[in-house]
Amino acid sequence: MVLEVDERPVDRVRCAEVGDREENLANAIACYERSLTVLTEKDFPAYWATTQNNLSEAERLLAEHRRSN
């Protein structure tokens, strides 16, 4: 299995600024959750931790967006 990991969180956050922010953030959250089924803590500890961080940030941004609307 070949796994490509995107390590540009700033670009991912910028993507949420184009189009429907809530939908984009929800899609990002779903992607992070799916990636965590492959990027396990045991097998990929650094990627797992980064993905957990990115997931938390996307969830925070979505909650903030929903509160402001």
N, C-alpha and C. Protein backbone atom coordinates (compact mmCIF):
# COMPACT_ATOMS: atom_id res chain seq x y z
N MET A 1 0.84 -1.18 0.00
CA MET A 1 0.00 0.00 0.00
C MET A 1 0.89 1.24 0.00
N VAL A 2 0.57 2.17 -0.86
CA VAL A 2 1.28 3.44 -0.91
C VAL A 2 0.38 4.48 -0.27
N LEU A 3 0.94 5.22 0.65
CA LEU A 3 0.17 6.22 1.37
C LEU A 3 0.81 7.57 1.16
N GLU A 4 0.06 8.50 0.65
CA GLU A 4 0.56 9.86 0.47
C GLU A 4 -0.04 10.74 1.55
N VAL A 5 0.81 11.44 2.26
CA VAL A 5 0.36 12.28 3.36
C VAL A 5 0.62 13.73 3.03
N ASP A 6 -0.39 14.55 3.16
CA ASP A 6 -0.28 15.98 2.93
C ASP A 6 0.08 16.63 4.26
N GLU A 7 1.22 17.28 4.31
CA GLU A 7 1.67 17.90 5.55
C GLU A 7 1.57 19.42 5.49
N ARG A 8 0.54 19.94 4.84
CA ARG A 8 0.39 21.39 4.71
C ARG A 8 -0.91 21.84 5.36
N PRO A 9 -0.97 21.88 6.69
CA PRO A 9 -2.22 22.25 7.34
C PRO A 9 -2.71 23.65 6.98
N VAL A 10 -1.80 24.57 6.71
CA VAL A 10 -2.22 25.93 6.36
C VAL A 10 -3.01 25.90 5.06
N ASP A 11 -2.56 25.13 4.09
CA ASP A 11 -3.28 25.01 2.82
C ASP A 11 -4.65 24.40 3.04
N ARG A 12 -4.76 23.43 3.92
CA ARG A 12 -6.05 22.80 4.18
C ARG A 12 -7.00 23.80 4.81
N VAL A 13 -6.51 24.62 5.71
CA VAL A 13 -7.37 25.62 6.34
C VAL A 13 -7.79 26.66 5.31
N ARG A 14 -6.87 27.07 4.44
CA ARG A 14 -7.21 28.03 3.39
C ARG A 14 -8.31 27.49 2.49
N CYS A 15 -8.29 26.19 2.21
CA CYS A 15 -9.32 25.60 1.35
C CYS A 15 -10.71 25.82 1.92
N ALA A 16 -10.81 25.88 3.23
CA ALA A 16 -12.10 26.09 3.87
C ALA A 16 -12.61 27.51 3.66
N GLU A 17 -11.76 28.40 3.16
CA GLU A 17 -12.17 29.78 2.94
C GLU A 17 -12.84 29.99 1.58
N VAL A 18 -12.86 28.98 0.73
CA VAL A 18 -13.46 29.07 -0.60
C VAL A 18 -14.74 28.24 -0.60
N GLY A 19 -15.83 28.83 -1.04
CA GLY A 19 -17.09 28.09 -1.08
C GLY A 19 -17.79 28.11 0.26
N ASP A 20 -18.58 27.09 0.51
CA ASP A 20 -19.36 26.98 1.74
C ASP A 20 -18.47 26.51 2.88
N ARG A 21 -18.19 27.40 3.81
CA ARG A 21 -17.24 27.10 4.89
C ARG A 21 -17.69 25.91 5.74
N GLU A 22 -18.94 25.88 6.11
CA GLU A 22 -19.43 24.79 6.96
C GLU A 22 -19.30 23.45 6.24
N GLU A 23 -19.69 23.42 4.99
CA GLU A 23 -19.59 22.17 4.21
C GLU A 23 -18.13 21.74 4.06
N ASN A 24 -17.25 22.69 3.76
CA ASN A 24 -15.83 22.37 3.60
C ASN A 24 -15.23 21.83 4.89
N LEU A 25 -15.56 22.46 6.00
CA LEU A 25 -15.03 21.99 7.28
C LEU A 25 -15.58 20.61 7.63
N ALA A 26 -16.86 20.39 7.36
CA ALA A 26 -17.45 19.08 7.62
C ALA A 26 -16.78 18.01 6.75
N ASN A 27 -16.49 18.35 5.50
CA ASN A 27 -15.78 17.41 4.62
C ASN A 27 -14.37 17.14 5.11
N ALA A 28 -13.69 18.18 5.58
CA ALA A 28 -12.34 18.01 6.11
C ALA A 28 -12.36 17.09 7.32
N ILE A 29 -13.33 17.28 8.20
CA ILE A 29 -13.45 16.44 9.39
C ILE A 29 -13.66 14.99 8.98
N ALA A 30 -14.53 14.76 8.02
CA ALA A 30 -14.78 13.39 7.54
C ALA A 30 -13.51 12.78 6.97
N CYS A 31 -12.74 13.56 6.23
CA CYS A 31 -11.48 13.06 5.66
C CYS A 31 -10.48 12.72 6.75
N TYR A 32 -10.34 13.58 7.74
CA TYR A 32 -9.43 13.29 8.84
C TYR A 32 -9.86 12.02 9.57
N GLU A 33 -11.15 11.88 9.81
CA GLU A 33 -11.64 10.69 10.50
C GLU A 33 -11.36 9.43 9.69
N ARG A 34 -11.56 9.50 8.37
CA ARG A 34 -11.26 8.34 7.52
C ARG A 34 -9.77 8.03 7.52
N SER A 35 -8.94 9.06 7.47
CA SER A 35 -7.50 8.82 7.43
C SER A 35 -7.00 8.18 8.72
N LEU A 36 -7.69 8.44 9.83
CA LEU A 36 -7.27 7.84 11.10
C LEU A 36 -7.56 6.34 11.15
N THR A 37 -8.34 5.82 10.20
CA THR A 37 -8.53 4.37 10.14
C THR A 37 -7.30 3.70 9.54
N VAL A 38 -6.46 4.46 8.83
CA VAL A 38 -5.23 3.95 8.24
C VAL A 38 -4.02 4.41 9.03
N LEU A 39 -4.02 5.68 9.40
CA LEU A 39 -2.89 6.25 10.15
C LEU A 39 -3.07 5.96 11.63
N THR A 40 -2.74 4.74 12.01
CA THR A 40 -2.92 4.35 13.41
C THR A 40 -1.78 4.90 14.27
N GLU A 41 -2.08 5.08 15.53
CA GLU A 41 -1.06 5.58 16.45
C GLU A 41 0.13 4.63 16.51
N LYS A 42 -0.13 3.34 16.46
CA LYS A 42 0.94 2.34 16.55
C LYS A 42 1.84 2.37 15.32
N ASP A 43 1.25 2.41 14.13
CA ASP A 43 2.04 2.29 12.91
C ASP A 43 2.61 3.61 12.39
N PHE A 44 1.92 4.70 12.63
CA PHE A 44 2.34 6.02 12.12
C PHE A 44 2.16 7.07 13.21
N PRO A 45 2.91 6.98 14.30
CA PRO A 45 2.65 7.87 15.44
C PRO A 45 2.72 9.37 15.12
N ALA A 46 3.67 9.79 14.32
CA ALA A 46 3.78 11.22 14.01
C ALA A 46 2.62 11.69 13.13
N TYR A 47 2.30 10.93 12.09
CA TYR A 47 1.18 11.29 11.22
C TYR A 47 -0.14 11.22 11.97
N TRP A 48 -0.27 10.21 12.83
CA TRP A 48 -1.49 10.07 13.64
C TRP A 48 -1.67 11.32 14.51
N ALA A 49 -0.60 11.75 15.17
CA ALA A 49 -0.68 12.92 16.04
C ALA A 49 -1.01 14.18 15.25
N THR A 50 -0.38 14.34 14.09
CA THR A 50 -0.66 15.50 13.25
C THR A 50 -2.11 15.50 12.78
N THR A 51 -2.59 14.33 12.39
CA THR A 51 -3.97 14.22 11.93
C THR A 51 -4.95 14.50 13.06
N GLN A 52 -4.65 14.01 14.25
CA GLN A 52 -5.49 14.30 15.42
C GLN A 52 -5.55 15.81 15.67
N ASN A 53 -4.39 16.45 15.57
CA ASN A 53 -4.32 17.91 15.73
C ASN A 53 -5.17 18.63 14.69
N ASN A 54 -5.02 18.22 13.44
CA ASN A 54 -5.78 18.85 12.35
C ASN A 54 -7.27 18.61 12.52
N LEU A 55 -7.64 17.42 12.95
CA LEU A 55 -9.05 17.11 13.20
C LEU A 55 -9.60 18.01 14.29
N SER A 56 -8.86 18.16 15.36
CA SER A 56 -9.31 19.04 16.46
C SER A 56 -9.48 20.48 15.99
N GLU A 57 -8.53 20.94 15.18
CA GLU A 57 -8.61 22.32 14.68
C GLU A 57 -9.82 22.49 13.76
N ALA A 58 -10.06 21.53 12.89
CA ALA A 58 -11.23 21.62 12.00
C ALA A 58 -12.52 21.60 12.80
N GLU A 59 -12.59 20.76 13.83
CA GLU A 59 -13.78 20.72 14.69
C GLU A 59 -13.98 22.04 15.43
N ARG A 60 -12.88 22.63 15.89
CA ARG A 60 -12.95 23.92 16.58
C ARG A 60 -13.46 25.00 15.63
N LEU A 61 -12.89 25.02 14.42
CA LEU A 61 -13.30 26.02 13.43
C LEU A 61 -14.77 25.86 13.04
N LEU A 62 -15.23 24.62 12.92
CA LEU A 62 -16.63 24.39 12.57
C LEU A 62 -17.54 24.87 13.70
N ALA A 63 -17.19 24.56 14.94
CA ALA A 63 -18.00 25.01 16.08
C ALA A 63 -18.03 26.53 16.15
N GLU A 64 -16.88 27.16 15.93
CA GLU A 64 -16.80 28.62 15.93
C GLU A 64 -17.67 29.21 14.82
N HIS A 65 -17.61 28.62 13.65
CA HIS A 65 -18.42 29.08 12.51
C HIS A 65 -19.90 28.97 12.84
N ARG A 66 -20.30 27.86 13.41
CA ARG A 66 -21.72 27.65 13.74
C ARG A 66 -22.20 28.62 14.81
N ARG A 67 -21.35 28.93 15.78
CA ARG A 67 -21.72 29.90 16.82
C ARG A 67 -21.90 31.30 16.25
N SER A 68 -21.10 31.63 15.25
CA SER A 68 -21.14 32.99 14.71
C SER A 68 -22.27 33.19 13.69
N ASN A 69 -22.92 32.12 13.30
CA ASN A 69 -24.00 32.25 12.29
C ASN A 69 -25.35 32.00 12.87
